[in-house]
N, C-alpha and C. Protein backbone atom coordinates (compact mmCIF):
# COMPACT_ATOMS: atom_id res chain seq x y z
N MET A 1 -27.31 -44.94 -17.58
CA MET A 1 -26.89 -43.79 -18.34
C MET A 1 -27.56 -42.52 -17.83
N LYS A 2 -28.88 -42.63 -17.50
CA LYS A 2 -29.58 -41.47 -16.97
C LYS A 2 -28.96 -41.02 -15.66
N GLY A 3 -28.58 -41.99 -14.83
CA GLY A 3 -27.97 -41.67 -13.54
C GLY A 3 -26.67 -40.89 -13.70
N TYR A 4 -25.88 -41.27 -14.68
CA TYR A 4 -24.60 -40.59 -14.94
C TYR A 4 -24.83 -39.14 -15.34
N PHE A 5 -25.76 -38.91 -16.27
CA PHE A 5 -26.05 -37.55 -16.71
C PHE A 5 -26.67 -36.73 -15.58
N GLY A 6 -27.48 -37.34 -14.76
CA GLY A 6 -28.05 -36.65 -13.62
C GLY A 6 -26.98 -36.21 -12.63
N GLN A 7 -26.00 -37.08 -12.39
CA GLN A 7 -24.91 -36.73 -11.48
C GLN A 7 -24.07 -35.60 -12.06
N CYS A 8 -23.77 -35.67 -13.35
CA CYS A 8 -22.99 -34.61 -14.00
C CYS A 8 -23.73 -33.27 -13.92
N PHE A 9 -25.03 -33.30 -14.19
CA PHE A 9 -25.84 -32.09 -14.13
C PHE A 9 -25.83 -31.50 -12.72
N THR A 10 -25.96 -32.36 -11.71
CA THR A 10 -25.95 -31.92 -10.31
C THR A 10 -24.62 -31.27 -9.96
N ILE A 11 -23.53 -31.86 -10.40
CA ILE A 11 -22.19 -31.30 -10.11
C ILE A 11 -22.03 -29.94 -10.77
N ILE A 12 -22.49 -29.80 -12.01
CA ILE A 12 -22.38 -28.53 -12.72
C ILE A 12 -23.20 -27.45 -12.02
N ILE A 13 -24.42 -27.76 -11.64
CA ILE A 13 -25.28 -26.80 -10.94
C ILE A 13 -24.67 -26.42 -9.59
N ALA A 14 -24.21 -27.39 -8.84
CA ALA A 14 -23.61 -27.11 -7.52
C ALA A 14 -22.39 -26.22 -7.65
N THR A 15 -21.55 -26.47 -8.64
CA THR A 15 -20.37 -25.64 -8.86
C THR A 15 -20.77 -24.21 -9.20
N GLY A 16 -21.77 -24.04 -10.03
CA GLY A 16 -22.25 -22.70 -10.39
C GLY A 16 -22.80 -21.95 -9.19
N VAL A 17 -23.55 -22.63 -8.36
CA VAL A 17 -24.13 -21.99 -7.16
C VAL A 17 -23.02 -21.58 -6.21
N LEU A 18 -22.05 -22.44 -5.96
CA LEU A 18 -20.95 -22.11 -5.05
C LEU A 18 -20.13 -20.95 -5.58
N THR A 19 -19.86 -20.93 -6.86
CA THR A 19 -19.09 -19.84 -7.47
C THR A 19 -19.86 -18.53 -7.36
N ALA A 20 -21.14 -18.54 -7.62
CA ALA A 20 -21.95 -17.33 -7.54
C ALA A 20 -21.99 -16.80 -6.11
N CYS A 21 -22.09 -17.67 -5.13
CA CYS A 21 -22.12 -17.24 -3.73
C CYS A 21 -20.78 -16.64 -3.34
N GLN A 22 -19.69 -17.24 -3.76
CA GLN A 22 -18.38 -16.72 -3.42
C GLN A 22 -18.17 -15.34 -4.00
N SER A 23 -18.54 -15.11 -5.25
CA SER A 23 -18.26 -13.84 -5.90
C SER A 23 -19.01 -12.69 -5.25
N ARG A 24 -20.14 -12.96 -4.60
CA ARG A 24 -20.88 -11.90 -3.91
C ARG A 24 -20.20 -11.48 -2.61
N HIS A 25 -19.22 -12.25 -2.19
CA HIS A 25 -18.51 -11.93 -0.96
C HIS A 25 -17.07 -11.52 -1.24
N GLN A 26 -16.80 -11.13 -2.47
CA GLN A 26 -15.47 -10.68 -2.85
C GLN A 26 -15.57 -9.42 -3.70
N VAL A 27 -14.52 -8.62 -3.62
CA VAL A 27 -14.37 -7.47 -4.50
C VAL A 27 -13.08 -7.69 -5.28
N SER A 28 -13.14 -7.57 -6.59
CA SER A 28 -11.93 -7.69 -7.39
C SER A 28 -11.59 -6.32 -7.98
N ILE A 29 -10.30 -6.06 -8.02
CA ILE A 29 -9.80 -4.79 -8.54
C ILE A 29 -8.75 -5.11 -9.60
N GLN A 30 -8.92 -4.52 -10.77
CA GLN A 30 -7.92 -4.65 -11.83
C GLN A 30 -7.34 -3.25 -12.05
N LEU A 31 -6.04 -3.11 -11.84
CA LEU A 31 -5.36 -1.82 -11.99
C LEU A 31 -4.40 -1.90 -13.16
N THR A 32 -4.65 -1.06 -14.17
CA THR A 32 -3.75 -0.98 -15.33
C THR A 32 -2.73 0.12 -15.06
N ILE A 33 -1.46 -0.21 -15.29
CA ILE A 33 -0.37 0.74 -15.08
C ILE A 33 0.01 1.32 -16.43
N ASP A 34 -0.29 2.60 -16.64
CA ASP A 34 0.07 3.31 -17.88
C ASP A 34 1.13 4.35 -17.56
N SER A 35 2.25 3.89 -17.04
CA SER A 35 3.33 4.78 -16.63
C SER A 35 4.65 4.03 -16.73
N GLN A 36 5.70 4.76 -17.00
CA GLN A 36 7.04 4.17 -17.07
C GLN A 36 7.70 4.09 -15.69
N GLN A 37 7.09 4.74 -14.70
CA GLN A 37 7.64 4.69 -13.33
C GLN A 37 7.58 3.26 -12.81
N PRO A 38 8.68 2.75 -12.26
CA PRO A 38 8.63 1.39 -11.70
C PRO A 38 7.76 1.35 -10.44
N VAL A 39 6.90 0.36 -10.37
CA VAL A 39 6.05 0.15 -9.19
C VAL A 39 6.77 -0.87 -8.30
N LEU A 40 7.11 -0.45 -7.08
CA LEU A 40 7.89 -1.30 -6.17
C LEU A 40 7.01 -2.14 -5.26
N GLY A 41 5.73 -1.94 -5.31
CA GLY A 41 4.78 -2.69 -4.50
C GLY A 41 3.42 -2.04 -4.59
N ALA A 42 2.40 -2.75 -4.16
CA ALA A 42 1.04 -2.23 -4.23
C ALA A 42 0.20 -2.89 -3.16
N VAL A 43 -0.81 -2.16 -2.70
CA VAL A 43 -1.72 -2.72 -1.70
C VAL A 43 -3.11 -2.14 -1.95
N ALA A 44 -4.12 -2.98 -1.75
CA ALA A 44 -5.53 -2.55 -1.84
C ALA A 44 -6.16 -2.79 -0.48
N PHE A 45 -6.99 -1.85 -0.04
CA PHE A 45 -7.65 -1.93 1.26
C PHE A 45 -9.16 -1.82 1.11
N ILE A 46 -9.88 -2.60 1.89
CA ILE A 46 -11.30 -2.40 2.15
C ILE A 46 -11.46 -2.62 3.64
N GLY A 47 -11.66 -1.54 4.37
CA GLY A 47 -11.73 -1.67 5.83
C GLY A 47 -10.45 -2.30 6.36
N ALA A 48 -10.59 -3.37 7.14
CA ALA A 48 -9.43 -4.06 7.71
C ALA A 48 -8.83 -5.09 6.74
N GLN A 49 -9.52 -5.38 5.64
CA GLN A 49 -9.01 -6.35 4.66
C GLN A 49 -7.97 -5.67 3.76
N ARG A 50 -6.92 -6.43 3.42
CA ARG A 50 -5.94 -5.89 2.49
C ARG A 50 -5.35 -7.00 1.64
N ASP A 51 -4.93 -6.63 0.45
CA ASP A 51 -4.26 -7.54 -0.47
C ASP A 51 -3.03 -6.82 -0.96
N SER A 52 -1.85 -7.37 -0.65
CA SER A 52 -0.58 -6.73 -0.98
C SER A 52 0.12 -7.48 -2.11
N LEU A 53 0.83 -6.72 -2.93
CA LEU A 53 1.66 -7.28 -3.98
C LEU A 53 3.10 -6.82 -3.74
N SER A 54 4.03 -7.75 -3.74
CA SER A 54 5.43 -7.45 -3.49
C SER A 54 6.09 -6.87 -4.74
N PRO A 55 7.32 -6.34 -4.59
CA PRO A 55 8.03 -5.84 -5.77
C PRO A 55 8.18 -6.91 -6.85
N LYS A 56 8.40 -8.14 -6.45
CA LYS A 56 8.54 -9.23 -7.43
C LYS A 56 7.23 -9.43 -8.21
N GLN A 57 6.09 -9.24 -7.54
CA GLN A 57 4.78 -9.42 -8.18
C GLN A 57 4.39 -8.23 -9.06
N THR A 58 4.99 -7.07 -8.84
CA THR A 58 4.62 -5.88 -9.62
C THR A 58 5.64 -5.53 -10.69
N GLN A 59 6.86 -6.01 -10.58
CA GLN A 59 7.94 -5.64 -11.49
C GLN A 59 7.60 -5.98 -12.95
N GLY A 60 7.60 -4.95 -13.78
CA GLY A 60 7.37 -5.14 -15.21
C GLY A 60 5.93 -5.44 -15.60
N LYS A 61 5.01 -5.44 -14.65
CA LYS A 61 3.61 -5.76 -14.94
C LYS A 61 2.86 -4.51 -15.38
N SER A 62 1.99 -4.66 -16.36
CA SER A 62 1.16 -3.53 -16.79
C SER A 62 -0.25 -3.63 -16.21
N VAL A 63 -0.60 -4.79 -15.64
CA VAL A 63 -1.91 -4.98 -15.01
C VAL A 63 -1.70 -5.69 -13.67
N LEU A 64 -2.27 -5.12 -12.62
CA LEU A 64 -2.22 -5.72 -11.29
C LEU A 64 -3.63 -6.15 -10.90
N GLN A 65 -3.74 -7.31 -10.25
CA GLN A 65 -5.04 -7.85 -9.83
C GLN A 65 -5.07 -7.96 -8.30
N PHE A 66 -6.19 -7.55 -7.71
CA PHE A 66 -6.40 -7.68 -6.27
C PHE A 66 -7.73 -8.40 -6.05
N GLN A 67 -7.79 -9.22 -5.01
CA GLN A 67 -9.02 -9.90 -4.58
C GLN A 67 -9.16 -9.70 -3.08
N LEU A 68 -10.28 -9.14 -2.66
CA LEU A 68 -10.52 -8.91 -1.24
C LEU A 68 -11.88 -9.48 -0.84
N LYS A 69 -11.92 -10.16 0.29
CA LYS A 69 -13.20 -10.65 0.81
C LYS A 69 -13.94 -9.48 1.41
N HIS A 70 -15.21 -9.36 1.04
CA HIS A 70 -16.01 -8.25 1.57
C HIS A 70 -17.49 -8.53 1.36
N GLN A 71 -18.26 -8.30 2.39
CA GLN A 71 -19.71 -8.40 2.31
C GLN A 71 -20.29 -7.03 2.62
N GLY A 72 -21.38 -6.71 2.01
CA GLY A 72 -22.04 -5.44 2.28
C GLY A 72 -21.36 -4.28 1.58
N GLU A 73 -21.59 -3.08 2.13
CA GLU A 73 -21.07 -1.85 1.53
C GLU A 73 -19.76 -1.45 2.18
N GLY A 74 -18.96 -0.69 1.46
CA GLY A 74 -17.71 -0.18 2.00
C GLY A 74 -16.99 0.68 0.98
N THR A 75 -15.77 1.04 1.30
CA THR A 75 -14.93 1.78 0.37
C THR A 75 -13.60 1.08 0.23
N CYS A 76 -13.02 1.19 -0.95
CA CYS A 76 -11.71 0.59 -1.17
C CYS A 76 -10.75 1.67 -1.65
N GLN A 77 -9.48 1.39 -1.43
CA GLN A 77 -8.43 2.30 -1.83
C GLN A 77 -7.23 1.48 -2.26
N VAL A 78 -6.52 1.95 -3.29
CA VAL A 78 -5.32 1.28 -3.79
C VAL A 78 -4.16 2.23 -3.61
N CYS A 79 -3.03 1.70 -3.11
CA CYS A 79 -1.81 2.49 -2.95
C CYS A 79 -0.68 1.82 -3.72
N LEU A 80 0.13 2.65 -4.38
CA LEU A 80 1.30 2.17 -5.11
C LEU A 80 2.56 2.70 -4.44
N TYR A 81 3.54 1.83 -4.31
CA TYR A 81 4.83 2.21 -3.77
C TYR A 81 5.75 2.48 -4.96
N LEU A 82 6.10 3.76 -5.13
CA LEU A 82 6.98 4.16 -6.23
C LEU A 82 8.36 4.43 -5.65
N ALA A 83 9.32 4.80 -6.49
CA ALA A 83 10.71 4.96 -6.06
C ALA A 83 10.86 5.96 -4.90
N GLU A 84 10.17 7.08 -4.98
CA GLU A 84 10.38 8.11 -3.96
C GLU A 84 9.12 8.48 -3.18
N LYS A 85 8.01 7.79 -3.44
CA LYS A 85 6.78 8.14 -2.72
C LYS A 85 5.77 7.01 -2.79
N VAL A 86 4.75 7.16 -1.95
CA VAL A 86 3.60 6.26 -1.97
C VAL A 86 2.42 7.12 -2.42
N ILE A 87 1.70 6.65 -3.43
CA ILE A 87 0.55 7.39 -3.94
C ILE A 87 -0.69 6.52 -3.81
N CYS A 88 -1.78 7.11 -3.32
CA CYS A 88 -3.01 6.34 -3.08
C CYS A 88 -4.18 6.93 -3.86
N SER A 89 -5.07 6.06 -4.28
CA SER A 89 -6.28 6.50 -4.97
C SER A 89 -7.25 7.09 -3.96
N ARG A 90 -8.24 7.78 -4.46
CA ARG A 90 -9.34 8.20 -3.60
C ARG A 90 -10.16 6.96 -3.27
N ALA A 91 -10.89 7.02 -2.18
CA ALA A 91 -11.73 5.89 -1.78
C ALA A 91 -12.87 5.74 -2.79
N ALA A 92 -13.13 4.50 -3.17
CA ALA A 92 -14.21 4.19 -4.11
C ALA A 92 -15.24 3.31 -3.41
N TYR A 93 -16.51 3.57 -3.64
CA TYR A 93 -17.59 2.79 -3.05
C TYR A 93 -17.62 1.40 -3.67
N VAL A 94 -17.75 0.37 -2.83
CA VAL A 94 -17.84 -1.01 -3.32
C VAL A 94 -18.85 -1.78 -2.48
N GLU A 95 -19.33 -2.84 -3.05
CA GLU A 95 -20.15 -3.85 -2.35
C GLU A 95 -19.59 -5.20 -2.74
N GLY A 96 -19.88 -6.21 -1.92
CA GLY A 96 -19.46 -7.55 -2.26
C GLY A 96 -19.96 -7.92 -3.65
N GLY A 97 -19.09 -8.50 -4.47
CA GLY A 97 -19.43 -8.86 -5.82
C GLY A 97 -19.01 -7.83 -6.87
N TYR A 98 -18.59 -6.64 -6.43
CA TYR A 98 -18.18 -5.61 -7.37
C TYR A 98 -16.85 -5.97 -8.02
N HIS A 99 -16.69 -5.50 -9.25
CA HIS A 99 -15.43 -5.61 -10.00
C HIS A 99 -15.05 -4.19 -10.39
N LEU A 100 -13.93 -3.74 -9.89
CA LEU A 100 -13.50 -2.36 -10.10
C LEU A 100 -12.31 -2.36 -11.06
N ARG A 101 -12.38 -1.52 -12.08
CA ARG A 101 -11.26 -1.36 -13.01
C ARG A 101 -10.72 0.06 -12.87
N MET A 102 -9.42 0.12 -12.57
CA MET A 102 -8.77 1.40 -12.37
C MET A 102 -7.56 1.50 -13.28
N ARG A 103 -7.05 2.72 -13.40
CA ARG A 103 -5.87 2.98 -14.23
C ARG A 103 -4.98 3.99 -13.52
N TRP A 104 -3.68 3.72 -13.50
CA TRP A 104 -2.70 4.67 -12.96
C TRP A 104 -1.98 5.27 -14.16
N THR A 105 -2.09 6.59 -14.35
CA THR A 105 -1.52 7.26 -15.52
C THR A 105 -0.09 7.72 -15.29
N GLY A 106 0.39 7.64 -14.08
CA GLY A 106 1.69 8.21 -13.73
C GLY A 106 1.51 9.50 -12.95
N GLU A 107 0.31 10.06 -13.06
CA GLU A 107 -0.02 11.30 -12.34
C GLU A 107 -1.25 11.14 -11.45
N LYS A 108 -2.18 10.29 -11.88
CA LYS A 108 -3.41 10.14 -11.11
C LYS A 108 -4.04 8.77 -11.36
N PHE A 109 -4.95 8.41 -10.47
CA PHE A 109 -5.76 7.20 -10.63
C PHE A 109 -7.06 7.57 -11.32
N GLU A 110 -7.51 6.71 -12.20
CA GLU A 110 -8.80 6.88 -12.85
C GLU A 110 -9.61 5.61 -12.65
N THR A 111 -10.89 5.76 -12.36
CA THR A 111 -11.79 4.62 -12.25
C THR A 111 -12.57 4.53 -13.55
N HIS A 112 -12.43 3.40 -14.26
CA HIS A 112 -13.06 3.26 -15.57
C HIS A 112 -14.38 2.50 -15.50
N GLN A 113 -14.40 1.40 -14.79
CA GLN A 113 -15.63 0.63 -14.67
C GLN A 113 -15.82 0.28 -13.21
N HIS A 114 -17.04 0.36 -12.80
CA HIS A 114 -17.37 0.14 -11.40
C HIS A 114 -18.70 -0.59 -11.38
N PHE A 115 -18.66 -1.90 -11.24
CA PHE A 115 -19.91 -2.67 -11.28
C PHE A 115 -19.84 -3.85 -10.35
């Protein structure tokens, strides 16, 4: 019985360590869409890394999620493809493990939480 609990404990600890290590090498971005303008696509950039969302993935969504692999310091930018134009956020400072929350108002991007 002790062996079983020891194995379970080891698996739980190992999973936690692996998850913690992974999150320090990723940047997540949550973008809330507060606009009636249809979003035809979206892309987030950090250096050469990018995460794209197709029209099917953005259609009718009020929240878009991006995950980018990144270690160290850098800047990220989000661009939205609208009916007649492409609009991009200003570059935001990020490090691996950061979670960025942004909002598109229909006129501008706002950064709400940056940690």
